[in-house]
Amino acid sequence: MSLIMFKKYQGKMFCFSPPVMLATFLIEFSFAAYTYWRYELSTVRRLTITMLIALGTFQLAEYMICGGLGLTNIDWARIGYGSITLLPALGIHTIVALTGKKKPILVNAAYASCVAFIGFYLIGSGAVMGRTCAANYAVFSTFSGSSNLFAAYYYGWLAVGTYLALKWSNELPKRRKALQAMAFGYMAFILPTVAFNIIDPASRSAIPSVMCGFAVIYAFALVSKVMPNSGNTVRASLSDIRERFQIGF
């Protein structure tokens, strides 16, 4: 159970410690709830909420990596890999939605590669192996060759998204802040992870875990910069609602 992790990592505040996982999980799910309450229905809103839920689900999966809620450590590893795999494709779709451009080939290609990896990690026989209970995904070995392919998928789409977000931000002043925030959020994933991979090439087999400490930066960028500058209609705040009732509409 996850209590094993609390005992093993008691008093240590780092990426894989249970308190950090739970705190990040609560922050990201709270951001998703806030975005749902704050903004009217739109494609960008739906995508943002989905990304925040995926980030939070990954943190929950890491916390439950020793097993729990009727699932084994391998089950939670599959859920974690599946949820984090969604992010590049959702990000590409969000960038395109922010610009209002029609790029079906780009978006469909991102989702096709995403679905392929999710299917592999969720139902692939031997896709996720290992039985060691620890606080990160590095202890799980994957099918031979999949780590390099997964790294290419992740880095590839993050690099494409960063390039397009910066390129289109210069063309669309009204969406510049939102697109630049997407690029910043992407770089918060790319740069630290690349640094880890250079220092320790073995960390390529644990890309999701390496990124976990930086996921909350991306979540903050989505809520504080992307959504407010996305052109989405903002719902009335609580103070607005109180004022309306006070004047009797």
C-alpha atoms as a PDB file:
ATOM      1  CA  MET A   1       0.000   0.000   0.000  1.00  0.00           C
ATOM      2  CA  SER A   2       0.977   3.637  -0.338  1.00  0.00           C
ATOM      3  CA  LEU A   3       1.740   3.846   3.405  1.00  0.00           C
ATOM      4  CA  ILE A   4       4.963   2.027   2.517  1.00  0.00           C
ATOM      5  CA  MET A   5       6.027   5.089   0.574  1.00  0.00           C
ATOM      6  CA  PHE A   6       5.309   7.442   3.492  1.00  0.00           C
ATOM      7  CA  LYS A   7       7.535   5.360   5.770  1.00  0.00           C
ATOM      8  CA  LYS A   8      10.278   4.967   3.197  1.00  0.00           C
ATOM      9  CA  TYR A   9      10.388   8.636   2.173  1.00  0.00           C
ATOM     10  CA  GLN A  10       9.309  10.231   5.451  1.00  0.00           C
ATOM     11  CA  GLY A  11      10.598  13.766   5.828  1.00  0.00           C
ATOM     12  CA  LYS A  12      11.991  13.950   2.302  1.00  0.00           C
ATOM     13  CA  MET A  13      10.439  16.581   0.049  1.00  0.00           C
ATOM     14  CA  PHE A  14      11.425  15.803  -3.527  1.00  0.00           C
ATOM     15  CA  CYS A  15       9.757  14.873  -6.775  1.00  0.00           C
ATOM     16  CA  PHE A  16       8.794  11.350  -5.786  1.00  0.00           C
ATOM     17  CA  SER A  17       7.819  11.952  -2.141  1.00  0.00           C
ATOM     18  CA  PRO A  18       4.180  11.149  -1.269  1.00  0.00           C
ATOM     19  CA  PRO A  19       3.391  14.635   0.151  1.00  0.00           C
ATOM     20  CA  VAL A  20       4.524  16.275  -3.091  1.00  0.00           C
ATOM     21  CA  MET A  21       2.514  13.812  -5.183  1.00  0.00           C
ATOM     22  CA  LEU A  22      -0.666  14.386  -3.168  1.00  0.00           C
ATOM     23  CA  ALA A  23      -0.218  18.155  -3.097  1.00  0.00           C
ATOM     24  CA  THR A  24       0.311  18.297  -6.857  1.00  0.00           C
ATOM     25  CA  PHE A  25      -2.651  15.985  -7.442  1.00  0.00           C
ATOM     26  CA  LEU A  26      -4.914  18.274  -5.362  1.00  0.00           C
ATOM     27  CA  ILE A  27      -3.610  21.422  -7.060  1.00  0.00           C
ATOM     28  CA  GLU A  28      -4.159  20.081 -10.568  1.00  0.00           C
ATOM     29  CA  PHE A  29      -7.643  18.723  -9.885  1.00  0.00           C
ATOM     30  CA  SER A  30      -8.546  21.995  -8.140  1.00  0.00           C
ATOM     31  CA  PHE A  31      -7.356  23.892 -11.215  1.00  0.00           C
ATOM     32  CA  ALA A  32      -9.556  21.675 -13.391  1.00  0.00           C
ATOM     33  CA  ALA A  33     -12.580  22.387 -11.182  1.00  0.00           C
ATOM     34  CA  TYR A  34     -11.813  26.115 -11.210  1.00  0.00           C
ATOM     35  CA  THR A  35     -11.506  26.191 -15.005  1.00  0.00           C
ATOM     36  CA  TYR A  36     -14.827  24.349 -15.315  1.00  0.00           C
ATOM     37  CA  TRP A  37     -16.535  26.859 -13.012  1.00  0.00           C
ATOM     38  CA  ARG A  38     -14.849  30.013 -14.307  1.00  0.00           C
ATOM     39  CA  TYR A  39     -15.191  29.736 -18.101  1.00  0.00           C
ATOM     40  CA  GLU A  40     -18.016  29.034 -20.518  1.00  0.00           C
ATOM     41  CA  LEU A  41     -17.969  25.903 -22.668  1.00  0.00           C
ATOM     42  CA  SER A  42     -15.429  25.971 -25.500  1.00  0.00           C
ATOM     43  CA  THR A  43     -12.873  23.702 -27.155  1.00  0.00           C
ATOM     44  CA  VAL A  44      -9.961  25.327 -25.316  1.00  0.00           C
ATOM     45  CA  ARG A  45     -11.779  24.962 -21.988  1.00  0.00           C
ATOM     46  CA  ARG A  46     -12.464  21.261 -22.578  1.00  0.00           C
ATOM     47  CA  LEU A  47      -8.873  20.608 -23.617  1.00  0.00           C
ATOM     48  CA  THR A  48      -7.442  22.526 -20.659  1.00  0.00           C
ATOM     49  CA  ILE A  49      -9.611  20.638 -18.183  1.00  0.00           C
ATOM     50  CA  THR A  50      -8.625  17.326 -19.778  1.00  0.00           C
ATOM     51  CA  MET A  51      -4.925  18.186 -19.555  1.00  0.00           C
ATOM     52  CA  LEU A  52      -5.239  19.165 -15.900  1.00  0.00           C
ATOM     53  CA  ILE A  53      -7.096  15.943 -15.091  1.00  0.00           C
ATOM     54  CA  ALA A  54      -4.450  13.926 -16.950  1.00  0.00           C
ATOM     55  CA  LEU A  55      -1.689  15.628 -14.959  1.00  0.00           C
ATOM     56  CA  GLY A  56      -3.513  15.000 -11.684  1.00  0.00           C
ATOM     57  CA  THR A  57      -4.230  11.386 -12.588  1.00  0.00           C
ATOM     58  CA  PHE A  58      -0.545  10.819 -13.215  1.00  0.00           C
ATOM     59  CA  GLN A  59       0.309  12.173  -9.762  1.00  0.00           C
ATOM     60  CA  LEU A  60      -2.324   9.924  -8.195  1.00  0.00           C
ATOM     61  CA  ALA A  61      -0.923   6.939 -10.095  1.00  0.00           C
ATOM     62  CA  GLU A  62       2.571   7.707  -8.811  1.00  0.00           C
ATOM     63  CA  TYR A  63       1.286   7.957  -5.265  1.00  0.00           C
ATOM     64  CA  MET A  64      -0.525   4.626  -5.637  1.00  0.00           C
ATOM     65  CA  ILE A  65       2.423   2.924  -7.319  1.00  0.00           C
ATOM     66  CA  CYS A  66       2.676   0.414  -4.464  1.00  0.00           C
ATOM     67  CA  GLY A  67      -0.896  -0.677  -5.174  1.00  0.00           C
ATOM     68  CA  GLY A  68      -4.256   0.285  -3.763  1.00  0.00           C
ATOM     69  CA  LEU A  69      -7.987   0.726  -4.427  1.00  0.00           C
ATOM     70  CA  GLY A  70      -8.098  -2.808  -5.790  1.00  0.00           C
ATOM     71  CA  LEU A  71      -5.362  -2.226  -8.370  1.00  0.00           C
ATOM     72  CA  THR A  72      -1.817  -3.550  -8.484  1.00  0.00           C
ATOM     73  CA  ASN A  73       1.370  -1.534  -8.923  1.00  0.00           C
ATOM     74  CA  ILE A  74       1.432  -2.572 -12.586  1.00  0.00           C
ATOM     75  CA  ASP A  75      -2.156  -1.365 -13.059  1.00  0.00           C
ATOM     76  CA  TRP A  76      -1.266   2.021 -11.622  1.00  0.00           C
ATOM     77  CA  ALA A  77       1.847   2.185 -13.781  1.00  0.00           C
ATOM     78  CA  ARG A  78      -0.294   1.605 -16.869  1.00  0.00           C
ATOM     79  CA  ILE A  79      -2.734   4.328 -15.786  1.00  0.00           C
ATOM     80  CA  GLY A  80       0.134   6.723 -15.145  1.00  0.00           C
ATOM     81  CA  TYR A  81       1.757   6.130 -18.514  1.00  0.00           C
ATOM     82  CA  GLY A  82      -1.605   6.395 -20.256  1.00  0.00           C
ATOM     83  CA  SER A  83      -2.529   9.710 -18.650  1.00  0.00           C
ATOM     84  CA  ILE A  84       0.819  11.400 -19.253  1.00  0.00           C
ATOM     85  CA  THR A  85       0.838  10.195 -22.867  1.00  0.00           C
ATOM     86  CA  LEU A  86      -2.237  12.344 -23.560  1.00  0.00           C
ATOM     87  CA  LEU A  87      -0.440  15.638 -22.968  1.00  0.00           C
ATOM     88  CA  PRO A  88       1.471  16.169 -26.247  1.00  0.00           C
ATOM     89  CA  ALA A  89      -1.570  15.508 -28.444  1.00  0.00           C
ATOM     90  CA  LEU A  90      -3.876  17.598 -26.257  1.00  0.00           C
ATOM     91  CA  GLY A  91      -1.314  20.397 -26.322  1.00  0.00           C
ATOM     92  CA  ILE A  92      -1.108  20.408 -30.114  1.00  0.00           C
ATOM     93  CA  HIS A  93      -4.908  20.488 -30.314  1.00  0.00           C
ATOM     94  CA  THR A  94      -5.030  23.359 -27.796  1.00  0.00           C
ATOM     95  CA  ILE A  95      -2.508  25.433 -29.740  1.00  0.00           C
ATOM     96  CA  VAL A  96      -4.471  24.941 -32.963  1.00  0.00           C
ATOM     97  CA  ALA A  97      -7.751  25.764 -31.191  1.00  0.00           C
ATOM     98  CA  LEU A  98      -6.267  28.968 -29.761  1.00  0.00           C
ATOM     99  CA  THR A  99      -5.362  30.177 -33.234  1.00  0.00           C
ATOM    100  CA  GLY A 100      -8.652  29.202 -34.840  1.00  0.00           C
ATOM    101  CA  LYS A 101      -6.715  27.557 -37.656  1.00  0.00           C
ATOM    102  CA  LYS A 102      -7.845  24.411 -39.432  1.00  0.00           C
ATOM    103  CA  LYS A 103      -5.060  21.849 -39.178  1.00  0.00           C
ATOM    104  CA  PRO A 104      -6.801  18.442 -39.259  1.00  0.00           C
ATOM    105  CA  ILE A 105      -3.756  16.529 -40.530  1.00  0.00           C
ATOM    106  CA  LEU A 106      -1.545  17.888 -37.741  1.00  0.00           C
ATOM    107  CA  VAL A 107      -4.105  17.286 -34.982  1.00  0.00           C
ATOM    108  CA  ASN A 108      -5.082  13.826 -36.261  1.00  0.00           C
ATOM    109  CA  ALA A 109      -1.443  12.769 -36.542  1.00  0.00           C
ATOM    110  CA  ALA A 110      -0.820  13.842 -32.940  1.00  0.00           C
ATOM    111  CA  TYR A 111      -3.841  11.909 -31.689  1.00  0.00           C
ATOM    112  CA  ALA A 112      -3.046   8.839 -33.787  1.00  0.00           C
ATOM    113  CA  SER A 113       0.426   8.536 -32.277  1.00  0.00           C
ATOM    114  CA  CYS A 114      -1.039   9.238 -28.839  1.00  0.00           C
ATOM    115  CA  VAL A 115      -3.643   6.472 -29.154  1.00  0.00           C
ATOM    116  CA  ALA A 116      -0.986   4.018 -30.332  1.00  0.00           C
ATOM    117  CA  PHE A 117       1.133   4.556 -27.212  1.00  0.00           C
ATOM    118  CA  ILE A 118      -1.845   4.583 -24.839  1.00  0.00           C
ATOM    119  CA  GLY A 119      -3.061   1.306 -26.299  1.00  0.00           C
ATOM    120  CA  PHE A 120       0.425  -0.152 -25.955  1.00  0.00           C
ATOM    121  CA  TYR A 121       0.841   0.835 -22.313  1.00  0.00           C
ATOM    122  CA  LEU A 122      -2.713   0.034 -21.228  1.00  0.00           C
ATOM    123  CA  ILE A 123      -3.293  -3.327 -22.878  1.00  0.00           C
ATOM    124  CA  GLY A 124       0.012  -4.382 -24.433  1.00  0.00           C
ATOM    125  CA  SER A 125       1.265  -7.690 -23.126  1.00  0.00           C
ATOM    126  CA  GLY A 126       4.575  -7.056 -21.388  1.00  0.00           C
ATOM    127  CA  ALA A 127       4.419  -3.313 -22.128  1.00  0.00           C
ATOM    128  CA  VAL A 128       5.011  -2.523 -18.448  1.00  0.00           C
ATOM    129  CA  MET A 129       6.973  -5.070 -16.424  1.00  0.00           C
ATOM    130  CA  GLY A 130       8.518  -5.391 -12.990  1.00  0.00           C
ATOM    131  CA  ARG A 131       7.181  -6.049  -9.515  1.00  0.00           C
ATOM    132  CA  THR A 132       9.267  -3.733  -7.352  1.00  0.00           C
ATOM    133  CA  CYS A 133       7.287  -1.307  -5.205  1.00  0.00           C
ATOM    134  CA  ALA A 134       9.038   2.049  -5.237  1.00  0.00           C
ATOM    135  CA  ALA A 135       8.172   5.713  -5.586  1.00  0.00           C
ATOM    136  CA  ASN A 136       8.925   6.238  -9.247  1.00  0.00           C
ATOM    137  CA  TYR A 137       8.556   4.666 -12.650  1.00  0.00           C
ATOM    138  CA  ALA A 138      12.291   4.038 -13.052  1.00  0.00           C
ATOM    139  CA  VAL A 139      11.847   0.629 -11.427  1.00  0.00           C
ATOM    140  CA  PHE A 140       9.475  -0.479 -14.195  1.00  0.00           C
ATOM    141  CA  SER A 141      11.082  -1.898 -17.276  1.00  0.00           C
ATOM    142  CA  THR A 142       9.204  -1.570 -20.549  1.00  0.00           C
ATOM    143  CA  PHE A 143       9.191  -3.517 -23.761  1.00  0.00           C
ATOM    144  CA  SER A 144      12.581  -3.405 -25.463  1.00  0.00           C
ATOM    145  CA  GLY A 145      12.912  -0.304 -27.652  1.00  0.00           C
ATOM    146  CA  SER A 146       9.746   1.377 -26.404  1.00  0.00           C
ATOM    147  CA  SER A 147      11.588   3.923 -24.246  1.00  0.00           C
ATOM    148  CA  ASN A 148      13.386   5.454 -27.231  1.00  0.00           C
ATOM    149  CA  LEU A 149      10.189   5.519 -29.281  1.00  0.00           C
ATOM    150  CA  PHE A 150       8.269   7.095 -26.412  1.00  0.00           C
ATOM    151  CA  ALA A 151      10.985   9.731 -26.002  1.00  0.00           C
ATOM    152  CA  ALA A 152      10.798  10.509 -29.730  1.00  0.00           C
ATOM    153  CA  TYR A 153       7.005  10.808 -29.500  1.00  0.00           C
ATOM    154  CA  TYR A 154       7.140  13.075 -26.460  1.00  0.00           C
ATOM    155  CA  TYR A 155      10.043  15.306 -27.415  1.00  0.00           C
ATOM    156  CA  GLY A 156       8.896  15.425 -31.018  1.00  0.00           C
ATOM    157  CA  TRP A 157       5.407  16.747 -30.365  1.00  0.00           C
ATOM    158  CA  LEU A 158       6.551  19.065 -27.563  1.00  0.00           C
ATOM    159  CA  ALA A 159       9.134  20.563 -29.929  1.00  0.00           C
ATOM    160  CA  VAL A 160       6.538  20.949 -32.703  1.00  0.00           C
ATOM    161  CA  GLY A 161       4.105  22.545 -30.257  1.00  0.00           C
ATOM    162  CA  THR A 162       6.699  24.979 -28.944  1.00  0.00           C
ATOM    163  CA  TYR A 163       7.713  26.020 -32.453  1.00  0.00           C
ATOM    164  CA  LEU A 164       4.127  26.509 -33.643  1.00  0.00           C
ATOM    165  CA  ALA A 165       3.064  28.369 -30.500  1.00  0.00           C
ATOM    166  CA  LEU A 166       5.927  30.857 -30.832  1.00  0.00           C
ATOM    167  CA  LYS A 167       5.484  31.188 -34.602  1.00  0.00           C
ATOM    168  CA  TRP A 168       1.746  31.799 -34.435  1.00  0.00           C
ATOM    169  CA  SER A 169       2.067  34.116 -31.422  1.00  0.00           C
ATOM    170  CA  ASN A 170       3.809  36.602 -33.720  1.00  0.00           C
ATOM    171  CA  GLU A 171       0.989  36.345 -36.242  1.00  0.00           C
ATOM    172  CA  LEU A 172      -1.904  36.630 -33.787  1.00  0.00           C
ATOM    173  CA  PRO A 173      -1.474  39.481 -31.283  1.00  0.00           C
ATOM    174  CA  LYS A 174      -4.806  38.743 -29.570  1.00  0.00           C
ATOM    175  CA  ARG A 175      -3.668  35.230 -28.699  1.00  0.00           C
ATOM    176  CA  ARG A 176       0.007  36.058 -28.184  1.00  0.00           C
ATOM    177  CA  LYS A 177       0.010  35.733 -24.388  1.00  0.00           C
ATOM    178  CA  ALA A 178      -1.873  32.438 -24.438  1.00  0.00           C
ATOM    179  CA  LEU A 179       0.382  30.929 -27.113  1.00  0.00           C
ATOM    180  CA  GLN A 180       3.549  32.153 -25.416  1.00  0.00           C
ATOM    181  CA  ALA A 181       2.303  30.610 -22.169  1.00  0.00           C
ATOM    182  CA  MET A 182       1.830  27.292 -23.971  1.00  0.00           C
ATOM    183  CA  ALA A 183       5.412  27.520 -25.261  1.00  0.00           C
ATOM    184  CA  PHE A 184       6.680  28.332 -21.775  1.00  0.00           C
ATOM    185  CA  GLY A 185       4.745  25.412 -20.314  1.00  0.00           C
ATOM    186  CA  TYR A 186       6.205  23.111 -22.942  1.00  0.00           C
ATOM    187  CA  MET A 187       9.752  24.274 -22.226  1.00  0.00           C
ATOM    188  CA  ALA A 188       9.135  23.626 -18.530  1.00  0.00           C
ATOM    189  CA  PHE A 189       8.794  19.998 -19.597  1.00  0.00           C
ATOM    190  CA  ILE A 190      11.479  19.829 -22.269  1.00  0.00           C
ATOM    191  CA  LEU A 191      14.504  21.614 -20.825  1.00  0.00           C
ATOM    192  CA  PRO A 192      14.697  19.963 -17.368  1.00  0.00           C
ATOM    193  CA  THR A 193      13.971  16.527 -18.825  1.00  0.00           C
ATOM    194  CA  VAL A 194      16.645  16.896 -21.505  1.00  0.00           C
ATOM    195  CA  ALA A 195      19.083  17.968 -18.790  1.00  0.00           C
ATOM    196  CA  PHE A 196      18.255  14.836 -16.779  1.00  0.00           C
ATOM    197  CA  ASN A 197      18.643  12.661 -19.868  1.00  0.00           C
ATOM    198  CA  ILE A 198      22.061  14.145 -20.642  1.00  0.00           C
ATOM    199  CA  ILE A 199      23.271  13.719 -17.062  1.00  0.00           C
ATOM    200  CA  ASP A 200      21.829  10.225 -16.775  1.00  0.00           C
ATOM    201  CA  PRO A 201      20.914   8.541 -20.094  1.00  0.00           C
ATOM    202  CA  ALA A 202      19.172   5.774 -18.152  1.00  0.00           C
ATOM    203  CA  SER A 203      16.500   8.309 -17.158  1.00  0.00           C
ATOM    204  CA  ARG A 204      15.055   8.078 -20.681  1.00  0.00           C
ATOM    205  CA  SER A 205      13.201   4.994 -19.499  1.00  0.00           C
ATOM    206  CA  ALA A 206      11.515   7.138 -16.826  1.00  0.00           C
ATOM    207  CA  ILE A 207      10.493  10.229 -18.782  1.00  0.00           C
ATOM    208  CA  PRO A 208       7.068  10.516 -17.061  1.00  0.00           C
ATOM    209  CA  SER A 209       8.655  10.415 -13.592  1.00  0.00           C
ATOM    210  CA  VAL A 210      11.355  12.927 -14.462  1.00  0.00           C
ATOM    211  CA  MET A 211       8.688  15.338 -15.671  1.00  0.00           C
ATOM    212  CA  CYS A 212       6.496  15.041 -12.590  1.00  0.00           C
ATOM    213  CA  GLY A 213       8.310  17.743 -10.640  1.00  0.00           C
ATOM    214  CA  PHE A 214       7.711  20.234 -13.429  1.00  0.00           C
ATOM    215  CA  ALA A 215       4.111  19.351 -14.281  1.00  0.00           C
ATOM    216  CA  VAL A 216       2.692  21.842 -11.806  1.00  0.00           C
ATOM    217  CA  ILE A 217       4.469  24.685 -13.666  1.00  0.00           C
ATOM    218  CA  TYR A 218       2.576  23.720 -16.807  1.00  0.00           C
ATOM    219  CA  ALA A 219      -0.669  23.577 -14.812  1.00  0.00           C
ATOM    220  CA  PHE A 220      -0.093  27.093 -13.479  1.00  0.00           C
ATOM    221  CA  ALA A 221       0.624  28.360 -17.005  1.00  0.00           C
ATOM    222  CA  LEU A 222      -2.634  26.864 -18.287  1.00  0.00           C
ATOM    223  CA  VAL A 223      -4.775  28.418 -15.564  1.00  0.00           C
ATOM    224  CA  SER A 224      -3.043  31.764 -15.062  1.00  0.00           C
ATOM    225  CA  LYS A 225      -2.085  32.639 -18.638  1.00  0.00           C
ATOM    226  CA  VAL A 226      -3.584  30.403 -21.307  1.00  0.00           C
ATOM    227  CA  MET A 227      -7.230  30.461 -20.226  1.00  0.00           C
ATOM    228  CA  PRO A 228      -7.433  34.190 -19.329  1.00  0.00           C
ATOM    229  CA  ASN A 229      -5.985  35.083 -22.750  1.00  0.00           C
ATOM    230  CA  SER A 230      -7.779  32.451 -24.804  1.00  0.00           C
ATOM    231  CA  GLY A 231     -10.796  34.554 -25.687  1.00  0.00           C
ATOM    232  CA  ASN A 232     -13.093  32.327 -23.640  1.00  0.00           C
ATOM    233  CA  THR A 233     -16.150  33.929 -22.092  1.00  0.00           C
ATOM    234  CA  VAL A 234     -15.743  34.327 -18.334  1.00  0.00           C
ATOM    235  CA  ARG A 235     -18.670  33.423 -16.151  1.00  0.00           C
ATOM    236  CA  ALA A 236     -19.893  35.886 -13.551  1.00  0.00           C
ATOM    237  CA  SER A 237     -17.786  35.893 -10.406  1.00  0.00           C
ATOM    238  CA  LEU A 238     -19.314  35.370  -6.978  1.00  0.00           C
ATOM    239  CA  SER A 239     -19.077  39.117  -6.277  1.00  0.00           C
ATOM    240  CA  ASP A 240     -20.926  39.849  -9.538  1.00  0.00           C
ATOM    241  CA  ILE A 241     -23.683  37.432  -8.583  1.00  0.00           C
ATOM    242  CA  ARG A 242     -24.021  38.968  -5.115  1.00  0.00           C
ATOM    243  CA  GLU A 243     -24.243  42.458  -6.604  1.00  0.00           C
ATOM    244  CA  ARG A 244     -26.984  41.373  -9.001  1.00  0.00           C
ATOM    245  CA  PHE A 245     -29.038  39.943  -6.167  1.00  0.00           C
ATOM    246  CA  GLN A 246     -28.529  43.055  -4.064  1.00  0.00           C
ATOM    247  CA  ILE A 247     -29.938  45.333  -6.766  1.00  0.00           C
ATOM    248  CA  GLY A 248     -32.697  42.839  -7.511  1.00  0.00           C
ATOM    249  CA  PHE A 249     -31.606  42.546 -11.147  1.00  0.00           C
END
